[in-house]
Amino acid sequence: QTLGVDGEYFDFISKQVVDDYQKVRSIYINSQSLASNELPSYARKAVQTLPTFDVSVVRDETTFWKLVETWQMLCNTIRQSKR
């Protein structure tokens, strides 16, 4: 999608990033999902406390990096469980 104004494009990408994180978060929080069963046992309870984020996260550097670290931690936990 092409958006004419840089700010609009930034907002569009920001919304996509947050939406993707929220989808992944909800998949792993749902204890009945196959994805949840991929987590090591020690991580199944911890995943219930994954924070939620909204689009405003990208306007604050500290909160944005918290989103990045949370997502990375989830991915690394899953990767570790597959070893």
C-alpha atoms as a PDB file:
ATOM      1  CA  GLN A   1       0.000   0.000   0.000  1.00  0.00           C
ATOM      2  CA  THR A   2       1.331   3.391  -0.995  1.00  0.00           C
ATOM      3  CA  LEU A   3       0.560   6.288   1.307  1.00  0.00           C
ATOM      4  CA  GLY A   4       1.389   9.843   0.307  1.00  0.00           C
ATOM      5  CA  VAL A   5       2.450  11.329   3.610  1.00  0.00           C
ATOM      6  CA  ASP A   6       5.371   9.925   5.633  1.00  0.00           C
ATOM      7  CA  GLY A   7       3.411  10.205   8.879  1.00  0.00           C
ATOM      8  CA  GLU A   8       0.558   8.161   7.427  1.00  0.00           C
ATOM      9  CA  TYR A   9       2.960   5.455   6.276  1.00  0.00           C
ATOM     10  CA  PHE A  10       4.625   5.372   9.699  1.00  0.00           C
ATOM     11  CA  ASP A  11       1.214   5.006  11.364  1.00  0.00           C
ATOM     12  CA  PHE A  12       0.263   2.248   8.914  1.00  0.00           C
ATOM     13  CA  ILE A  13       3.448   0.259   9.617  1.00  0.00           C
ATOM     14  CA  SER A  14       3.122   0.858  13.360  1.00  0.00           C
ATOM     15  CA  LYS A  15      -0.397  -0.541  13.363  1.00  0.00           C
ATOM     16  CA  GLN A  16       0.752  -3.610  11.428  1.00  0.00           C
ATOM     17  CA  VAL A  17       3.579  -4.303  13.892  1.00  0.00           C
ATOM     18  CA  VAL A  18       1.297  -4.022  16.908  1.00  0.00           C
ATOM     19  CA  ASP A  19      -1.458  -6.081  15.239  1.00  0.00           C
ATOM     20  CA  ASP A  20       1.019  -8.845  14.418  1.00  0.00           C
ATOM     21  CA  TYR A  21       2.337  -8.900  17.989  1.00  0.00           C
ATOM     22  CA  GLN A  22      -1.202  -9.028  19.394  1.00  0.00           C
ATOM     23  CA  LYS A  23      -2.086 -11.973  17.112  1.00  0.00           C
ATOM     24  CA  VAL A  24       1.007 -13.925  18.153  1.00  0.00           C
ATOM     25  CA  ARG A  25       0.364 -13.070  21.813  1.00  0.00           C
ATOM     26  CA  SER A  26      -3.231 -14.321  21.642  1.00  0.00           C
ATOM     27  CA  ILE A  27      -2.167 -17.566  19.962  1.00  0.00           C
ATOM     28  CA  TYR A  28       0.247 -18.374  22.778  1.00  0.00           C
ATOM     29  CA  ILE A  29      -2.102 -17.271  25.557  1.00  0.00           C
ATOM     30  CA  ASN A  30      -4.803 -19.626  24.302  1.00  0.00           C
ATOM     31  CA  SER A  31      -3.919 -22.777  26.223  1.00  0.00           C
ATOM     32  CA  GLN A  32      -5.812 -24.939  23.745  1.00  0.00           C
ATOM     33  CA  SER A  33      -3.733 -23.840  20.785  1.00  0.00           C
ATOM     34  CA  LEU A  34      -1.055 -25.971  19.180  1.00  0.00           C
ATOM     35  CA  ALA A  35       1.324 -23.024  19.537  1.00  0.00           C
ATOM     36  CA  SER A  36       0.883 -23.012  23.318  1.00  0.00           C
ATOM     37  CA  ASN A  37       1.853 -26.687  23.407  1.00  0.00           C
ATOM     38  CA  GLU A  38       5.143 -25.825  21.693  1.00  0.00           C
ATOM     39  CA  LEU A  39       6.232 -23.831  24.729  1.00  0.00           C
ATOM     40  CA  PRO A  40       8.377 -25.494  27.368  1.00  0.00           C
ATOM     41  CA  SER A  41       6.450 -26.173  30.583  1.00  0.00           C
ATOM     42  CA  TYR A  42       8.236 -23.401  32.509  1.00  0.00           C
ATOM     43  CA  ALA A  43       7.068 -20.829  29.942  1.00  0.00           C
ATOM     44  CA  ARG A  44       3.376 -21.770  29.762  1.00  0.00           C
ATOM     45  CA  LYS A  45       2.436 -19.785  32.884  1.00  0.00           C
ATOM     46  CA  ALA A  46       4.775 -16.894  32.055  1.00  0.00           C
ATOM     47  CA  VAL A  47       3.177 -16.399  28.648  1.00  0.00           C
ATOM     48  CA  GLN A  48      -0.106 -15.540  30.383  1.00  0.00           C
ATOM     49  CA  THR A  49       1.485 -12.308  31.610  1.00  0.00           C
ATOM     50  CA  LEU A  50       2.686 -11.060  28.210  1.00  0.00           C
ATOM     51  CA  PRO A  51       1.848  -7.358  28.044  1.00  0.00           C
ATOM     52  CA  THR A  52      -0.519  -5.855  25.519  1.00  0.00           C
ATOM     53  CA  PHE A  53       0.527  -2.918  23.379  1.00  0.00           C
ATOM     54  CA  ASP A  54      -1.280  -0.373  21.253  1.00  0.00           C
ATOM     55  CA  VAL A  55      -0.130   1.824  18.379  1.00  0.00           C
ATOM     56  CA  SER A  56       1.091   4.531  20.749  1.00  0.00           C
ATOM     57  CA  VAL A  57       3.966   2.182  21.659  1.00  0.00           C
ATOM     58  CA  VAL A  58       5.946   3.386  18.663  1.00  0.00           C
ATOM     59  CA  ARG A  59       5.818   6.985  19.841  1.00  0.00           C
ATOM     60  CA  ASP A  60       7.730   6.151  23.034  1.00  0.00           C
ATOM     61  CA  GLU A  61      11.234   4.725  22.651  1.00  0.00           C
ATOM     62  CA  THR A  62      11.256   2.831  25.965  1.00  0.00           C
ATOM     63  CA  THR A  63       7.872   1.208  25.363  1.00  0.00           C
ATOM     64  CA  PHE A  64       8.762   0.357  21.780  1.00  0.00           C
ATOM     65  CA  TRP A  65      11.901  -1.496  22.897  1.00  0.00           C
ATOM     66  CA  LYS A  66       9.852  -3.315  25.539  1.00  0.00           C
ATOM     67  CA  LEU A  67       7.621  -4.595  22.715  1.00  0.00           C
ATOM     68  CA  VAL A  68      10.684  -5.681  20.721  1.00  0.00           C
ATOM     69  CA  GLU A  69      12.270  -7.435  23.722  1.00  0.00           C
ATOM     70  CA  THR A  70       9.017  -9.179  24.655  1.00  0.00           C
ATOM     71  CA  TRP A  71       8.502 -10.467  21.127  1.00  0.00           C
ATOM     72  CA  GLN A  72      12.152 -11.564  20.889  1.00  0.00           C
ATOM     73  CA  MET A  73      11.932 -13.348  24.240  1.00  0.00           C
ATOM     74  CA  LEU A  74       8.850 -15.258  23.080  1.00  0.00           C
ATOM     75  CA  CYS A  75      10.534 -16.272  19.826  1.00  0.00           C
ATOM     76  CA  ASN A  76      13.723 -17.354  21.606  1.00  0.00           C
ATOM     77  CA  THR A  77      11.726 -19.388  24.140  1.00  0.00           C
ATOM     78  CA  ILE A  78       9.998 -21.237  21.332  1.00  0.00           C
ATOM     79  CA  ARG A  79      13.281 -21.756  19.485  1.00  0.00           C
ATOM     80  CA  GLN A  80      14.890 -23.095  22.677  1.00  0.00           C
ATOM     81  CA  SER A  81      12.073 -25.575  23.201  1.00  0.00           C
ATOM     82  CA  LYS A  82      12.617 -27.051  19.736  1.00  0.00           C
ATOM     83  CA  ARG A  83      16.268 -27.929  20.441  1.00  0.00           C
END
